[in-house]
Amino acid sequence: MSLVLEPPPAPPSKSKTGAPLKRCFTSIRTALPPPNHRFRASRFPLHPTSSSRPTVAVVLKTEKEKNAVTEQKDPPVRIVAVVGQGSVSPLKCTPWEEVMKHTAKRLKWVDEGYEMVVFTDNFHQSNDQTAMDLQKELACADILLVVAVTNQDSVKWIGTNSGNIPNVICFESDPGLVNKLGGSYVHSEMKGSIFDKVVGISQLKKTDETKEVVQTVSEAWDRFNSDDIRFCLLVIINAYIQPVPILKNLRSKGFSTLNCMVKNCGPQILDCLMDPNCRKALQCLSKCSPVDQVCNYRCIASFESPKLEAFSLCVLQKNNCLDLDAKIPEKPYVQPMLKFRGKDLCHETAEDLFVGWLGSLDWSWRVVAGQNPAYDQFPCQYQLFYRGKAKGSFWYEPVFQVKTLEGELVWRRRKYRVKRANAPGTFYFSVLDNGVVSNEYWTIVDVSEDFSWGLFHYHGAARVAGQSYTGAVLVSPDGTYPKQTQINRLSSALEKCGIKEWELYTVDNCACQDPPLEIPEGSSFHSMVDVKDKSWSSV
């Protein structure tokens, strides 16, 4: 395949630069995110130079305001999505229009300044007002996202009306639609798969940077889930428009990182490189974008070992050589359940709801489905919640299977310390996962009175790994979906989390032989709730 970088069309009103995008997105490998992020004019350095000026307004209207300094906020990022009329997504056959409208809501969880509007491509058949509304939105759009558009009239109309949009990305659409990033087109002559071969432009640094963006977006889109669809847009915003808070920490620190690693962690690095599993883990991680949590965690879960844990503990947790500081997301806000079996929920009862069926069964709960593509999709997930020997101690141990990247099926296990948060039904979780501490905030959204199902939501961050995340798990005693009579209540619980049913991954609970479910001696279970009460039991 050969790529030709062409000058952009007449420059848009907002100053943005960038690089090319391939015509179709396909799964390919990546390295690091582009180091040269493009900032809007409102971003300013601490010490302005002759080529830039700080965007601050010194207000001198009154003596009281004499020293007031106001930093201008970034203007909104405007995204327009056009989807094929009646087109259906691979997400449980949900219409693309619904998927995109939900994506617009989820973008607000990252930044209230992300504005996304969704149109179907029947505008050329509808009244003139719809086409005029779309034209108005396109006139100020930063990104045009085209999904499943194949109608030739629509293709022609989009081509005519999108010339001044600096970022145009097209998925599952007619090949006549052209992709663009930062105002630059890429024409591709494909020989085999996309990016198998790049001819004649390796000297252009920005082309390499764009390839990295395209690779990250390609792999994420091909996973077809709501997190990764939003992630695709965030990567493009971060690279070509303005920094995205949850991604901006993940830039390469270059020599400072290497110097920190060699100075503080020489033995651990050597041990890792000499260990086959640890070496495979590093090689696998080097092929993932550091912002791609799905790719990264698959590598870690596939090749975890004591050497990898020691390496990560030294490089990341103890010395923070990547200089990262991810925060636990604040949105969406999820309210815990307030009552259980007619009584106000208290901390002791909330802990009992987590403990679930442990004591009657060998586990508390089994995961039916989960929302997070990185952490909730593993097969055969068992949850073990129990009270420890020490007064007030409470623990959570998930046990799950991993099909490694080499095809082997193995069991994995983690151990979380759990502490009560302020409101009953909310908890702080912390775990050392392969040398890196993750802190999470969990909410019991709902548990049925007969313990036949429950829904737990979480926000989390691995601070020194630069990873922030959210998710939710639907649980039941035997890993099967709640009965039809419970679907309306489940839908309401999911709505409280801002989650649609079609976002959930169904966990494979078919081949779960001999899970390692032992718990420490002296552990205790329920304090307030009798799960064995046959009037409530369904197992």
Protein backbone atom coordinates (compact mmCIF):
# COMPACT_ATOMS: atom_id res chain seq x y z
CA MET A 1 0.00 0.00 0.00
CA SER A 2 1.21 3.51 -0.72
CA LEU A 3 0.08 6.61 1.08
CA VAL A 4 0.14 10.15 -0.26
CA LEU A 5 -0.05 13.08 2.10
CA GLU A 6 -1.86 15.98 0.48
CA PRO A 7 -2.29 19.61 1.56
CA PRO A 8 -5.49 20.24 3.48
CA PRO A 9 -8.38 22.09 1.92
CA ALA A 10 -9.13 25.71 2.81
CA PRO A 11 -8.29 26.01 6.52
CA PRO A 12 -11.19 25.87 8.97
CA SER A 13 -11.93 28.69 11.32
CA LYS A 14 -10.31 26.91 14.25
CA SER A 15 -6.60 26.31 14.07
CA LYS A 16 -5.77 22.62 14.13
CA THR A 17 -3.05 20.62 12.50
CA GLY A 18 -2.62 16.93 12.13
CA ALA A 19 -1.89 14.06 9.83
CA PRO A 20 -3.53 11.46 7.63
CA LEU A 21 -5.97 8.69 8.31
CA LYS A 22 -6.41 5.54 6.29
CA ARG A 23 -9.61 4.91 4.38
CA CYS A 24 -10.80 1.90 6.39
CA PHE A 25 -9.89 0.97 9.93
CA THR A 26 -8.61 -2.55 10.50
CA SER A 27 -6.82 -4.25 13.38
CA ILE A 28 -3.13 -3.44 13.45
CA ARG A 29 -0.44 -3.04 16.08
CA THR A 30 0.70 0.13 17.78
CA ALA A 31 3.38 1.56 20.02
CA LEU A 32 3.05 4.91 21.86
CA PRO A 33 0.51 7.69 21.44
CA PRO A 34 1.67 10.67 19.38
CA PRO A 35 3.97 12.91 21.44
CA ASN A 36 3.06 16.08 19.55
CA HIS A 37 -0.47 16.73 20.70
CA ARG A 38 -2.26 19.64 19.11
CA PHE A 39 -3.65 22.27 21.43
CA ARG A 40 -6.30 24.85 20.91
CA ALA A 41 -5.22 28.47 21.08
CA SER A 42 -6.61 28.77 24.57
CA ARG A 43 -3.87 26.49 25.96
CA PHE A 44 -0.89 28.51 27.13
CA PRO A 45 2.65 27.92 28.47
CA LEU A 46 3.72 29.04 31.91
CA HIS A 47 6.22 31.41 30.33
CA PRO A 48 4.91 32.83 27.02
CA THR A 49 7.33 33.25 24.16
CA SER A 50 7.32 35.64 21.24
CA SER A 51 5.33 33.10 19.21
CA SER A 52 2.60 32.53 21.79
CA ARG A 53 0.73 34.60 24.31
CA PRO A 54 -1.12 33.57 27.45
CA THR A 55 -4.88 33.51 27.15
CA VAL A 56 -5.64 35.26 30.40
CA ALA A 57 -7.77 38.32 30.86
CA VAL A 58 -6.65 40.88 33.41
CA VAL A 59 -9.75 42.72 34.50
CA LEU A 60 -9.22 46.35 35.53
CA LYS A 61 -12.78 47.62 35.67
CA THR A 62 -12.78 48.31 39.41
CA GLU A 63 -10.23 48.44 42.18
CA LYS A 64 -11.71 45.25 43.59
CA GLU A 65 -11.13 43.43 40.29
CA LYS A 66 -7.72 44.94 39.68
CA ASN A 67 -5.77 41.77 40.30
CA ALA A 68 -8.38 39.30 39.01
CA VAL A 69 -7.01 36.86 36.46
CA THR A 70 -9.36 34.57 34.62
CA GLU A 71 -8.21 31.61 32.58
CA GLN A 72 -10.28 31.01 29.49
CA LYS A 73 -11.78 27.55 29.19
CA ASP A 74 -11.36 25.39 26.14
CA PRO A 75 -14.18 25.87 23.65
CA PRO A 76 -16.49 22.88 23.23
CA VAL A 77 -15.40 19.98 21.09
CA ARG A 78 -18.16 19.55 18.53
CA ILE A 79 -18.79 16.11 17.05
CA VAL A 80 -21.35 15.22 14.41
CA ALA A 81 -22.26 11.56 13.85
CA VAL A 82 -24.11 10.45 10.71
CA VAL A 83 -25.36 6.86 10.68
CA GLY A 84 -27.08 4.85 8.01
CA GLN A 85 -30.86 4.93 8.28
CA GLY A 86 -32.01 1.62 9.81
CA SER A 87 -28.44 0.34 10.16
CA VAL A 88 -27.79 -2.24 12.88
CA SER A 89 -24.64 -2.53 15.00
CA PRO A 90 -22.91 -5.74 16.17
CA LEU A 91 -23.76 -4.76 19.76
CA LYS A 92 -26.63 -7.24 20.21
CA CYS A 93 -28.18 -5.89 16.98
CA THR A 94 -28.77 -2.48 18.53
CA PRO A 95 -29.43 0.26 15.94
CA TRP A 96 -26.35 2.38 15.29
CA GLU A 97 -28.44 5.48 15.94
CA GLU A 98 -29.11 4.35 19.53
CA VAL A 99 -25.46 3.39 20.05
CA MET A 100 -24.26 6.82 18.92
CA LYS A 101 -26.80 8.71 21.02
CA HIS A 102 -25.66 6.74 24.06
CA THR A 103 -22.04 7.48 23.16
CA ALA A 104 -22.90 11.18 23.19
CA LYS A 105 -24.10 10.85 26.80
CA ARG A 106 -21.01 8.87 27.83
CA LEU A 107 -18.69 11.51 26.37
CA LYS A 108 -20.17 13.95 28.88
CA TRP A 109 -18.81 11.76 31.69
CA VAL A 110 -15.31 12.63 30.49
CA ASP A 111 -15.87 16.33 29.78
CA GLU A 112 -19.05 18.39 29.75
CA GLY A 113 -17.52 20.35 26.86
CA TYR A 114 -17.79 17.40 24.45
CA GLU A 115 -20.88 18.05 22.34
CA MET A 116 -22.06 15.26 20.02
CA VAL A 117 -25.17 15.33 17.85
CA VAL A 118 -26.47 12.34 15.85
CA PHE A 119 -28.25 12.30 12.49
CA THR A 120 -29.41 9.47 10.26
CA ASP A 121 -28.63 9.67 6.55
CA ASN A 122 -32.23 10.04 5.41
CA PHE A 123 -31.84 13.82 5.43
CA HIS A 124 -31.90 13.95 1.62
CA GLN A 125 -35.34 12.32 1.72
CA SER A 126 -36.78 14.37 4.58
CA ASN A 127 -37.76 18.01 4.79
CA ASP A 128 -35.27 20.72 4.00
CA GLN A 129 -35.01 21.71 7.66
CA THR A 130 -33.22 18.47 8.61
CA ALA A 131 -30.59 19.00 5.92
CA MET A 132 -30.22 22.63 7.00
CA ASP A 133 -29.78 21.59 10.63
CA LEU A 134 -27.09 19.10 9.64
CA GLN A 135 -25.32 21.68 7.49
CA LYS A 136 -25.35 24.09 10.41
CA GLU A 137 -23.78 21.49 12.71
CA LEU A 138 -21.17 20.51 10.12
CA ALA A 139 -20.15 24.17 9.68
CA CYS A 140 -18.70 24.23 13.22
CA ALA A 141 -17.82 20.55 13.69
CA ASP A 142 -14.39 19.43 14.87
CA ILE A 143 -15.06 15.76 14.06
CA LEU A 144 -17.43 14.08 11.62
CA LEU A 145 -18.06 10.41 12.41
CA VAL A 146 -19.75 8.44 9.63
CA VAL A 147 -21.04 4.95 10.42
CA ALA A 148 -22.77 2.45 8.13
CA VAL A 149 -23.53 4.97 5.37
CA THR A 150 -23.71 3.31 1.94
CA ASN A 151 -26.52 5.20 0.19
CA GLN A 152 -24.92 6.92 -2.79
CA ASP A 153 -26.98 10.09 -2.43
CA SER A 154 -25.84 10.32 1.19
CA VAL A 155 -22.22 9.63 0.25
CA LYS A 156 -22.31 12.42 -2.33
CA TRP A 157 -23.99 14.86 0.06
CA ILE A 158 -21.50 14.16 2.86
CA GLY A 159 -18.57 14.60 0.48
CA THR A 160 -19.94 17.95 -0.69
CA ASN A 161 -20.64 19.30 2.78
CA SER A 162 -17.67 18.05 4.84
CA GLY A 163 -14.76 19.74 3.08
CA ASN A 164 -13.94 22.16 5.89
CA ILE A 165 -14.14 19.62 8.74
CA PRO A 166 -10.58 18.85 9.89
CA ASN A 167 -11.30 15.34 11.21
CA VAL A 168 -13.50 12.89 9.29
CA ILE A 169 -13.60 9.21 10.20
CA CYS A 170 -15.73 6.61 8.46
CA PHE A 171 -16.56 3.08 9.62
CA GLU A 172 -18.57 0.33 7.94
CA SER A 173 -19.32 2.80 5.13
CA ASP A 174 -18.97 3.26 1.38
CA PRO A 175 -15.28 3.34 0.31
CA GLY A 176 -15.99 6.56 -1.59
CA LEU A 177 -16.05 8.43 1.71
CA VAL A 178 -12.68 9.95 2.54
CA ASN A 179 -11.03 9.97 5.97
CA LYS A 180 -9.12 12.94 7.26
CA LEU A 181 -7.23 13.92 10.41
CA GLY A 182 -6.09 17.41 11.26
CA GLY A 183 -7.06 18.66 7.82
CA SER A 184 -4.89 16.21 5.86
CA TYR A 185 -6.19 13.49 3.56
CA VAL A 186 -4.65 10.10 2.97
CA HIS A 187 -5.15 8.31 -0.31
CA SER A 188 -4.34 4.63 -0.04
CA GLU A 189 -3.45 2.04 -2.61
CA MET A 190 -4.01 -1.21 -0.77
CA LYS A 191 -1.85 -4.26 -1.34
CA GLY A 192 -3.03 -6.80 1.18
CA SER A 193 -4.24 -5.40 4.47
CA ILE A 194 -4.09 -1.78 5.51
CA PHE A 195 -0.62 -0.68 6.65
CA ASP A 196 1.04 -3.91 5.56
CA LYS A 197 3.43 -1.69 3.64
CA VAL A 198 4.02 2.04 3.68
CA VAL A 199 5.95 3.40 0.73
CA GLY A 200 7.86 6.63 0.36
CA ILE A 201 6.76 8.59 3.41
CA SER A 202 8.68 7.08 6.32
CA GLN A 203 10.62 10.31 6.60
CA LEU A 204 7.50 12.19 7.62
CA LYS A 205 7.35 12.06 11.40
CA LYS A 206 3.76 13.16 11.51
CA THR A 207 2.80 10.24 9.29
CA ASP A 208 4.28 7.83 11.84
CA GLU A 209 2.41 9.61 14.60
CA THR A 210 -0.83 9.37 12.66
CA LYS A 211 -0.26 5.67 12.03
CA GLU A 212 -0.06 5.19 15.78
CA VAL A 213 -3.35 6.99 16.28
CA VAL A 214 -4.96 5.01 13.47
CA GLN A 215 -3.66 1.73 14.87
CA THR A 216 -5.04 2.46 18.32
CA VAL A 217 -8.42 3.55 16.95
CA SER A 218 -8.54 0.60 14.56
CA GLU A 219 -8.06 -2.06 17.19
CA ALA A 220 -10.48 -0.37 19.56
CA TRP A 221 -13.26 -0.02 16.97
CA ASP A 222 -12.93 -3.64 15.88
CA ARG A 223 -13.79 -4.78 19.41
CA PHE A 224 -17.30 -3.30 19.00
CA ASN A 225 -18.21 -2.22 22.51
CA SER A 226 -19.43 1.06 23.96
CA ASP A 227 -16.24 1.82 25.90
CA ASP A 228 -14.05 1.42 22.84
CA ILE A 229 -16.36 3.42 20.56
CA ARG A 230 -16.05 6.33 22.96
CA PHE A 231 -12.33 5.64 23.31
CA CYS A 232 -11.87 6.04 19.53
CA LEU A 233 -13.25 9.58 19.70
CA LEU A 234 -11.20 10.45 22.80
CA VAL A 235 -7.97 9.35 21.11
CA ILE A 236 -8.67 11.65 18.15
CA ILE A 237 -9.64 14.57 20.41
CA ASN A 238 -6.49 14.03 22.45
CA ALA A 239 -4.23 13.89 19.38
CA TYR A 240 -5.67 16.67 17.23
CA ILE A 241 -7.89 19.01 19.22
CA GLN A 242 -7.07 19.30 22.92
CA PRO A 243 -5.74 17.09 25.74
CA VAL A 244 -8.19 14.59 27.17
CA PRO A 245 -7.77 14.44 30.96
CA ILE A 246 -7.88 10.63 31.19
CA LEU A 247 -5.37 10.22 28.32
CA LYS A 248 -3.00 13.16 28.65
CA ASN A 249 -0.76 11.44 31.23
CA LEU A 250 0.15 8.70 28.80
CA ARG A 251 2.85 10.40 26.79
CA SER A 252 6.33 8.96 26.62
CA LYS A 253 8.73 10.65 29.07
CA GLY A 254 11.77 9.53 27.06
CA PHE A 255 15.15 9.70 28.78
CA SER A 256 13.78 10.56 32.22
CA THR A 257 11.80 7.31 32.27
CA LEU A 258 14.77 5.24 31.14
CA ASN A 259 17.06 6.94 33.65
CA CYS A 260 14.60 6.27 36.50
CA MET A 261 14.28 2.61 35.54
CA VAL A 262 18.02 1.97 35.27
CA LYS A 263 18.86 3.93 38.41
CA ASN A 264 16.26 2.31 40.66
CA CYS A 265 15.27 -1.02 39.15
CA GLY A 266 18.29 -2.55 37.42
CA PRO A 267 18.05 -5.98 39.10
CA GLN A 268 14.29 -6.24 38.50
CA ILE A 269 14.71 -5.32 34.83
CA LEU A 270 17.44 -7.92 34.36
CA ASP A 271 15.41 -10.60 36.17
CA CYS A 272 12.39 -9.83 33.98
CA LEU A 273 14.37 -10.01 30.76
CA MET A 274 15.85 -13.36 31.80
CA ASP A 275 12.43 -14.84 32.64
CA PRO A 276 10.51 -16.17 29.60
CA ASN A 277 7.04 -15.21 30.86
CA CYS A 278 8.06 -11.76 32.02
CA ARG A 279 9.89 -11.12 28.76
CA LYS A 280 6.81 -12.18 26.79
CA ALA A 281 4.69 -9.81 28.88
CA LEU A 282 6.96 -6.85 28.05
CA GLN A 283 7.03 -7.76 24.37
CA CYS A 284 3.24 -8.04 24.36
CA LEU A 285 2.79 -4.71 26.18
CA SER A 286 5.15 -2.96 23.76
CA LYS A 287 2.66 -3.75 20.97
CA CYS A 288 -0.22 -2.10 22.87
CA SER A 289 -0.99 1.56 23.05
CA PRO A 290 -0.55 2.60 26.69
CA VAL A 291 -4.07 4.06 26.54
CA ASP A 292 -5.57 0.73 25.42
CA GLN A 293 -6.61 -0.97 28.67
CA VAL A 294 -8.05 -4.03 26.92
CA CYS A 295 -4.82 -4.83 25.10
CA ASN A 296 -2.65 -4.11 28.13
CA TYR A 297 -4.62 -6.22 30.59
CA ARG A 298 -4.81 -9.17 28.23
CA CYS A 299 -1.02 -9.16 28.09
CA ILE A 300 -0.71 -8.92 31.88
CA ALA A 301 -3.30 -11.63 32.58
CA SER A 302 -1.74 -13.91 29.96
CA PHE A 303 1.87 -13.69 31.14
CA GLU A 304 1.69 -12.71 34.80
CA SER A 305 4.53 -14.01 36.96
CA PRO A 306 6.45 -13.10 40.16
CA LYS A 307 9.16 -11.49 38.00
CA LEU A 308 6.61 -9.28 36.23
CA GLU A 309 5.13 -8.29 39.57
CA ALA A 310 8.56 -7.34 40.92
CA PHE A 311 9.33 -5.36 37.75
CA SER A 312 6.05 -3.42 37.90
CA LEU A 313 6.28 -2.91 41.65
CA CYS A 314 9.68 -1.26 41.28
CA VAL A 315 9.28 0.66 38.01
CA LEU A 316 5.69 1.81 38.49
CA GLN A 317 4.45 1.51 42.05
CA LYS A 318 7.56 2.38 44.08
CA ASN A 319 9.32 4.80 41.75
CA ASN A 320 6.58 5.95 39.32
CA CYS A 321 9.12 6.09 36.51
CA LEU A 322 6.39 6.99 34.00
CA ASP A 323 5.37 9.94 36.20
CA LEU A 324 1.66 9.13 35.92
CA ASP A 325 -1.22 10.08 38.21
CA ALA A 326 -4.59 8.73 37.11
CA LYS A 327 -7.66 9.68 39.11
CA ILE A 328 -10.77 7.66 39.93
CA PRO A 329 -13.56 8.94 37.62
CA GLU A 330 -16.28 10.94 39.32
CA LYS A 331 -18.93 10.20 36.69
CA PRO A 332 -21.37 8.66 36.36
CA TYR A 333 -22.73 9.20 39.84
CA VAL A 334 -24.47 5.98 40.90
CA GLN A 335 -26.78 5.94 43.91
CA PRO A 336 -26.65 2.83 46.11
CA MET A 337 -29.81 0.92 46.96
CA LEU A 338 -31.48 2.46 49.99
CA LYS A 339 -33.58 -0.38 51.38
CA PHE A 340 -33.39 -4.17 51.51
CA ARG A 341 -36.35 -6.32 52.48
CA GLY A 342 -38.24 -3.22 53.58
CA LYS A 343 -35.57 -1.89 55.96
CA ASP A 344 -33.09 0.95 55.52
CA LEU A 345 -29.76 -0.39 54.29
CA CYS A 346 -27.01 -0.32 56.91
CA HIS A 347 -23.31 -1.07 56.51
CA GLU A 348 -23.61 -4.56 58.03
CA THR A 349 -26.45 -5.56 55.74
CA ALA A 350 -24.62 -4.13 52.73
CA GLU A 351 -21.63 -6.33 53.54
CA ASP A 352 -23.96 -9.31 53.84
CA LEU A 353 -25.27 -8.58 50.34
CA PHE A 354 -21.71 -8.84 49.04
CA VAL A 355 -21.15 -12.08 50.99
CA GLY A 356 -24.19 -13.42 49.17
CA TRP A 357 -24.35 -17.20 48.94
CA LEU A 358 -20.99 -17.97 50.55
CA GLY A 359 -21.64 -20.52 53.27
CA SER A 360 -24.54 -22.12 51.44
CA LEU A 361 -22.37 -22.40 48.33
CA ASP A 362 -18.61 -22.30 47.85
CA TRP A 363 -18.82 -18.76 46.46
CA SER A 364 -20.63 -15.51 47.09
CA TRP A 365 -21.75 -14.83 43.53
CA ARG A 366 -21.00 -15.81 39.96
CA VAL A 367 -20.77 -13.10 37.32
CA VAL A 368 -23.45 -13.31 34.64
CA ALA A 369 -22.35 -10.32 32.58
CA GLY A 370 -20.14 -7.24 32.84
CA GLN A 371 -19.79 -3.88 31.18
CA ASN A 372 -16.03 -3.20 31.13
CA PRO A 373 -14.28 -4.76 28.10
CA ALA A 374 -10.90 -4.98 29.86
CA TYR A 375 -11.90 -6.51 33.20
CA ASP A 376 -15.39 -8.00 32.99
CA GLN A 377 -15.16 -10.28 29.97
CA PHE A 378 -13.17 -13.21 31.41
CA PRO A 379 -14.90 -16.62 31.59
CA CYS A 380 -15.92 -18.40 34.78
CA GLN A 381 -15.88 -15.48 37.21
CA TYR A 382 -16.48 -16.32 40.86
CA GLN A 383 -16.75 -13.72 43.62
CA LEU A 384 -15.67 -14.45 47.19
CA PHE A 385 -16.63 -11.83 49.81
CA TYR A 386 -15.94 -12.58 53.47
CA ARG A 387 -15.16 -11.05 56.85
CA GLY A 388 -11.58 -11.57 58.02
CA LYS A 389 -10.19 -12.57 61.40
CA ALA A 390 -9.25 -9.02 62.35
CA LYS A 391 -12.09 -6.91 63.74
CA GLY A 392 -13.79 -4.90 61.01
CA SER A 393 -11.78 -6.46 58.18
CA PHE A 394 -13.55 -7.38 54.96
CA TRP A 395 -12.09 -8.98 51.83
CA TYR A 396 -12.99 -9.62 48.21
CA GLU A 397 -11.32 -12.29 46.07
CA PRO A 398 -12.37 -12.66 42.44
CA VAL A 399 -11.45 -15.97 40.82
CA PHE A 400 -11.61 -16.16 37.03
CA GLN A 401 -10.30 -17.99 34.00
CA VAL A 402 -8.02 -16.48 31.37
CA LYS A 403 -7.45 -17.88 27.93
CA THR A 404 -3.91 -16.68 27.43
CA LEU A 405 -2.63 -15.26 24.17
CA GLU A 406 -0.86 -18.61 23.69
CA GLY A 407 -4.18 -20.48 23.95
CA GLU A 408 -3.74 -21.92 27.45
CA LEU A 409 -6.68 -21.86 29.89
CA VAL A 410 -5.55 -20.83 33.41
CA TRP A 411 -7.14 -19.69 36.64
CA ARG A 412 -6.28 -16.25 38.07
CA ARG A 413 -7.09 -14.77 41.46
CA ARG A 414 -6.83 -11.32 43.09
CA LYS A 415 -7.27 -10.15 46.70
CA TYR A 416 -8.89 -6.81 47.53
CA ARG A 417 -9.05 -5.07 50.89
CA VAL A 418 -12.56 -3.61 51.33
CA LYS A 419 -13.48 -0.68 53.56
CA ARG A 420 -16.82 1.01 54.11
CA ALA A 421 -17.38 4.38 52.47
CA ASN A 422 -19.66 7.03 53.99
CA ALA A 423 -23.01 5.85 52.63
CA PRO A 424 -24.22 2.30 53.32
CA GLY A 425 -23.86 0.28 50.13
CA THR A 426 -20.68 2.09 49.02
CA PHE A 427 -17.15 0.77 49.56
CA TYR A 428 -13.49 1.48 48.90
CA PHE A 429 -11.56 -1.43 47.35
CA SER A 430 -7.78 -1.69 46.92
CA VAL A 431 -5.66 -4.41 45.34
CA LEU A 432 -2.06 -5.06 44.32
CA ASP A 433 -2.46 -6.44 40.80
CA ASN A 434 0.82 -7.63 39.26
CA GLY A 435 2.81 -5.03 41.19
CA VAL A 436 0.46 -2.09 40.64
CA VAL A 437 -2.07 -0.80 43.18
CA SER A 438 -5.61 -0.18 41.93
CA ASN A 439 -8.09 1.77 44.06
CA GLU A 440 -11.79 1.44 43.36
CA TYR A 441 -15.11 2.80 44.59
CA TRP A 442 -17.91 0.21 44.51
CA THR A 443 -21.65 0.70 44.79
CA ILE A 444 -24.31 -1.92 45.49
CA VAL A 445 -26.91 -0.77 42.98
CA ASP A 446 -29.50 -3.47 43.66
CA VAL A 447 -29.85 -6.99 45.05
CA SER A 448 -33.11 -8.90 44.83
CA GLU A 449 -34.78 -9.92 48.09
CA ASP A 450 -34.33 -13.60 47.28
CA PHE A 451 -30.65 -13.15 46.35
CA SER A 452 -31.38 -14.41 42.85
CA TRP A 453 -29.36 -11.55 41.30
CA GLY A 454 -27.45 -8.38 42.09
CA LEU A 455 -25.83 -5.47 40.28
CA PHE A 456 -22.57 -3.89 41.48
CA HIS A 457 -20.97 -0.81 39.91
CA TYR A 458 -17.38 0.40 40.26
CA HIS A 459 -15.14 3.36 39.45
CA GLY A 460 -11.39 2.76 39.62
CA ALA A 461 -7.88 3.87 38.82
CA ALA A 462 -4.41 2.35 38.72
CA ARG A 463 -2.73 5.67 39.52
CA VAL A 464 0.88 4.96 38.56
CA ALA A 465 -0.17 3.02 35.45
CA GLY A 466 -2.20 6.01 34.23
CA GLN A 467 -5.40 3.97 33.92
CA SER A 468 -8.89 5.16 34.93
CA TYR A 469 -11.96 3.01 34.38
CA THR A 470 -15.58 2.25 35.26
CA GLY A 471 -17.62 -0.91 35.04
CA ALA A 472 -20.46 -2.98 36.43
CA VAL A 473 -21.12 -6.66 37.03
CA LEU A 474 -24.44 -8.49 37.03
CA VAL A 475 -24.28 -11.46 39.41
CA SER A 476 -26.40 -14.45 40.38
CA PRO A 477 -25.83 -17.61 42.44
CA ASP A 478 -25.39 -19.89 39.42
CA GLY A 479 -24.20 -17.50 36.68
CA THR A 480 -27.51 -17.50 34.80
CA TYR A 481 -29.49 -14.45 33.76
CA PRO A 482 -32.30 -13.20 36.06
CA LYS A 483 -35.80 -14.47 35.36
CA GLN A 484 -38.01 -12.58 32.93
CA THR A 485 -40.07 -11.29 35.85
CA GLN A 486 -37.00 -9.38 37.05
CA ILE A 487 -36.05 -7.73 33.74
CA ASN A 488 -37.82 -4.41 34.40
CA ARG A 489 -36.15 -4.08 37.78
CA LEU A 490 -32.78 -4.96 36.25
CA SER A 491 -33.27 -2.37 33.52
CA SER A 492 -33.97 0.27 36.16
CA ALA A 493 -30.80 -0.70 38.03
CA LEU A 494 -28.74 -0.49 34.85
CA GLU A 495 -30.27 2.90 34.06
CA LYS A 496 -29.04 4.18 37.43
CA CYS A 497 -25.53 3.33 36.21
CA GLY A 498 -26.02 4.92 32.80
CA ILE A 499 -25.69 1.47 31.22
CA LYS A 500 -27.77 -0.13 28.50
CA GLU A 501 -28.38 -3.87 28.53
CA TRP A 502 -26.73 -4.18 25.12
CA GLU A 503 -23.45 -2.93 26.61
CA LEU A 504 -23.06 -6.00 28.82
CA TYR A 505 -20.75 -8.88 27.95
CA THR A 506 -22.24 -12.27 28.70
CA VAL A 507 -19.68 -14.29 30.66
CA ASP A 508 -18.92 -17.80 29.44
CA ASN A 509 -19.78 -20.04 32.41
CA CYS A 510 -19.80 -23.34 30.53
CA ALA A 511 -16.45 -24.98 31.34
CA CYS A 512 -15.53 -24.03 34.88
CA GLN A 513 -13.99 -27.17 36.31
CA ASP A 514 -12.16 -27.08 39.65
CA PRO A 515 -12.03 -23.36 40.44
CA PRO A 516 -9.66 -22.55 43.35
CA LEU A 517 -12.25 -21.27 45.83
CA GLU A 518 -10.64 -21.87 49.22
CA ILE A 519 -10.84 -19.02 51.75
CA PRO A 520 -8.70 -18.38 54.87
CA GLU A 521 -9.49 -20.26 58.05
CA GLY A 522 -11.32 -18.20 60.63
CA SER A 523 -13.23 -16.18 58.05
CA SER A 524 -16.87 -15.38 58.82
CA PHE A 525 -19.81 -14.69 56.57
CA HIS A 526 -23.19 -13.06 57.32
CA SER A 527 -23.96 -10.74 60.18
CA MET A 528 -27.55 -9.57 59.63
CA VAL A 529 -29.10 -11.48 56.73
CA ASP A 530 -30.15 -15.15 56.65
CA VAL A 531 -29.63 -16.26 53.06
CA LYS A 532 -30.70 -19.80 53.91
CA ASP A 533 -34.24 -18.63 54.67
CA LYS A 534 -36.24 -20.83 52.26
CA SER A 535 -38.90 -18.15 51.84
CA TRP A 536 -36.30 -16.11 49.97
CA SER A 537 -34.15 -18.83 48.47
CA SER A 538 -34.25 -19.70 44.79
CA VAL A 539 -31.26 -22.06 44.69
